[in-house]
Amino acid sequence: MDFEIYDSAMQQALSLAAFAASTSADVPVGAVIIDENGNVIAQAANMREAQHDPTAHAEVLAIRWAAERLGSWRLDQATLVVTLEPCVMCAGAIVLSRLSRVVFGAWDPKAGAAGSLYDLLRDRRLNHRPEVISGVREIECGQILRNFFSDRRSD
């Protein structure tokens, strides 16, 4: 797949993250799932605060909606594009849904499970290992998070 497709999907994910930051107390993370042609299958932003649900991470919601839309839990022809490195829970959902690829922007040294703190997505002991591409729009993805937490500290 062409890098321009990932860049475009990441721009959509950043828009979702910005929307989440402006409308709720949710950490601004956006996720977009695209098919092999770059068409959007599903998209979501973090909704833990809005839904009072600890599992309502952008990645998990997008995976749920993509599976529902496609009528299958197997998303093996799809790519997840997300603004922040997936956590352990989200990495588990990615492996279980058989996503073929994960593209993320900012690294998460405190909770990341795609190479920073853990590397579940490439763990050879698991039955599925998606391709992982990191650093797409990394500066922008990191900045939206830094701004969010900076604003929270000054309140």
Protein backbone atom coordinates (compact mmCIF):
# COMPACT_ATOMS: atom_id res chain seq x y z
CA MET A 1 0.00 0.00 0.00
CA ASP A 2 1.16 3.52 -0.73
CA PHE A 3 2.46 5.77 2.08
CA GLU A 4 0.09 8.53 0.88
CA ILE A 5 -2.85 6.32 1.84
CA TYR A 6 -1.47 5.93 5.38
CA ASP A 7 -0.83 9.66 5.59
CA SER A 8 -4.39 10.45 4.51
CA ALA A 9 -5.86 7.93 6.97
CA MET A 10 -3.66 9.37 9.73
CA GLN A 11 -5.00 12.84 8.96
CA GLN A 12 -8.50 11.44 9.49
CA ALA A 13 -7.39 9.82 12.74
CA LEU A 14 -5.90 13.14 13.90
CA SER A 15 -9.21 14.87 13.13
CA LEU A 16 -11.04 12.27 15.22
CA ALA A 17 -8.56 12.78 18.07
CA ALA A 18 -8.99 16.55 17.93
CA PHE A 19 -12.76 16.13 17.99
CA ALA A 20 -12.54 13.87 21.05
CA ALA A 21 -10.32 16.40 22.81
CA SER A 22 -12.73 19.24 22.11
CA THR A 23 -15.96 17.45 23.06
CA SER A 24 -15.09 15.26 26.03
CA ALA A 25 -12.49 14.52 28.67
CA ASP A 26 -11.22 11.57 26.62
CA VAL A 27 -7.54 11.29 25.77
CA PRO A 28 -7.34 12.40 22.12
CA VAL A 29 -6.66 9.22 20.19
CA GLY A 30 -8.19 8.52 16.80
CA ALA A 31 -8.27 5.28 14.80
CA VAL A 32 -9.22 4.52 11.21
CA ILE A 33 -9.48 1.09 9.60
CA ILE A 34 -8.96 0.98 5.86
CA ASP A 35 -9.28 -1.82 3.31
CA GLU A 36 -6.57 -2.86 0.87
CA ASN A 37 -7.60 -0.02 -1.49
CA GLY A 38 -7.46 2.66 1.22
CA ASN A 39 -11.23 2.93 1.66
CA VAL A 40 -12.38 3.66 5.20
CA ILE A 41 -14.20 0.72 6.76
CA ALA A 42 -14.55 2.16 10.28
CA GLN A 43 -13.27 4.98 12.43
CA ALA A 44 -13.46 5.96 16.07
CA ALA A 45 -12.01 8.14 18.78
CA ASN A 46 -11.41 7.27 22.42
CA MET A 47 -14.74 7.20 24.27
CA ARG A 48 -13.83 5.84 27.72
CA GLU A 49 -15.07 8.93 29.53
CA ALA A 50 -18.05 9.50 27.23
CA GLN A 51 -19.24 5.88 27.50
CA HIS A 52 -17.98 5.17 31.04
CA ASP A 53 -16.28 2.12 29.53
CA PRO A 54 -12.63 1.27 30.21
CA THR A 55 -12.48 -0.76 26.98
CA ALA A 56 -13.72 2.08 24.74
CA HIS A 57 -10.31 2.82 23.24
CA ALA A 58 -10.36 4.14 19.68
CA GLU A 59 -8.76 0.96 18.32
CA VAL A 60 -11.22 -1.40 20.01
CA LEU A 61 -14.23 0.63 18.90
CA ALA A 62 -12.97 0.83 15.31
CA ILE A 63 -12.31 -2.93 15.28
CA ARG A 64 -15.82 -3.64 16.60
CA TRP A 65 -17.43 -1.39 13.98
CA ALA A 66 -15.29 -2.75 11.14
CA ALA A 67 -16.18 -6.34 12.06
CA GLU A 68 -19.86 -5.42 12.23
CA ARG A 69 -19.74 -3.63 8.90
CA LEU A 70 -17.91 -6.49 7.17
CA GLY A 71 -19.96 -9.20 8.90
CA SER A 72 -16.81 -10.97 10.05
CA TRP A 73 -14.41 -10.83 12.97
CA ARG A 74 -11.53 -11.55 10.58
CA LEU A 75 -10.09 -8.24 9.39
CA ASP A 76 -7.13 -9.86 7.63
CA GLN A 77 -7.33 -7.58 4.58
CA ALA A 78 -7.49 -4.38 6.63
CA THR A 79 -5.06 -1.87 8.11
CA LEU A 80 -5.50 -0.01 11.40
CA VAL A 81 -4.17 3.55 11.41
CA VAL A 82 -4.02 5.08 14.90
CA THR A 83 -2.51 8.23 16.36
CA LEU A 84 -0.93 6.52 19.40
CA GLU A 85 0.93 3.23 19.78
CA PRO A 86 -1.62 0.61 20.87
CA CYS A 87 -1.72 -0.53 24.51
CA VAL A 88 -1.73 -4.17 25.63
CA MET A 89 -5.54 -4.45 25.43
CA CYS A 90 -5.66 -2.95 21.95
CA ALA A 91 -2.71 -5.05 20.77
CA GLY A 92 -4.61 -8.14 21.92
CA ALA A 93 -7.69 -7.04 19.97
CA ILE A 94 -5.52 -6.38 16.90
CA VAL A 95 -4.00 -9.86 17.04
CA LEU A 96 -7.37 -11.52 17.64
CA SER A 97 -9.03 -9.65 14.75
CA ARG A 98 -6.18 -10.67 12.40
CA LEU A 99 -5.59 -7.13 11.11
CA SER A 100 -2.87 -7.33 8.48
CA ARG A 101 -1.14 -4.07 9.36
CA VAL A 102 -0.95 -1.44 12.09
CA VAL A 103 0.24 2.08 11.34
CA PHE A 104 0.69 4.45 14.27
CA GLY A 105 1.98 7.94 14.91
CA ALA A 106 3.27 8.64 18.41
CA TRP A 107 5.09 6.15 20.61
CA ASP A 108 3.70 5.45 24.09
CA PRO A 109 6.65 4.71 26.39
CA LYS A 110 4.35 4.24 29.41
CA ALA A 111 1.83 1.78 27.97
CA GLY A 112 2.78 0.93 24.37
CA ALA A 113 2.60 -2.66 23.20
CA ALA A 114 3.94 -2.30 19.66
CA GLY A 115 7.60 -1.90 20.46
CA SER A 116 8.16 0.64 23.21
CA LEU A 117 7.21 -1.00 26.52
CA TYR A 118 6.08 -4.35 25.09
CA ASP A 119 6.00 -5.77 21.57
CA LEU A 120 2.94 -7.99 21.53
CA LEU A 121 2.20 -7.32 17.88
CA ARG A 122 5.43 -8.99 16.77
CA ASP A 123 5.63 -11.66 19.46
CA ARG A 124 6.51 -14.93 17.68
CA ARG A 125 4.65 -16.94 20.31
CA LEU A 126 1.31 -15.58 19.08
CA ASN A 127 -0.60 -17.04 16.15
CA HIS A 128 -0.83 -13.76 14.22
CA ARG A 129 1.67 -10.94 13.72
CA PRO A 130 0.57 -7.89 11.76
CA GLU A 131 3.05 -5.70 9.96
CA VAL A 132 3.84 -2.64 12.11
CA ILE A 133 4.68 0.78 10.69
CA SER A 134 5.46 3.52 13.20
CA GLY A 135 6.10 7.25 13.12
CA VAL A 136 3.51 8.37 10.56
CA ARG A 137 2.85 12.04 11.43
CA GLU A 138 4.58 11.32 14.72
CA ILE A 139 5.15 14.97 15.63
CA GLU A 140 1.51 15.95 15.08
CA CYS A 141 0.22 12.88 16.90
CA GLY A 142 2.49 13.55 19.86
CA GLN A 143 1.65 17.25 19.94
CA ILE A 144 -2.11 16.73 20.26
CA LEU A 145 -1.45 14.49 23.27
CA ARG A 146 1.04 16.91 24.84
CA ASN A 147 -1.43 19.78 24.43
CA PHE A 148 -4.23 17.73 25.99
CA PHE A 149 -2.22 16.77 29.07
CA SER A 150 -0.72 20.25 29.40
CA ASP A 151 -4.21 21.76 29.40
CA ARG A 152 -5.32 19.24 32.05
CA ARG A 153 -2.39 20.12 34.32
CA SER A 154 -3.09 23.84 34.12
CA ASP A 155 -6.79 23.46 35.06
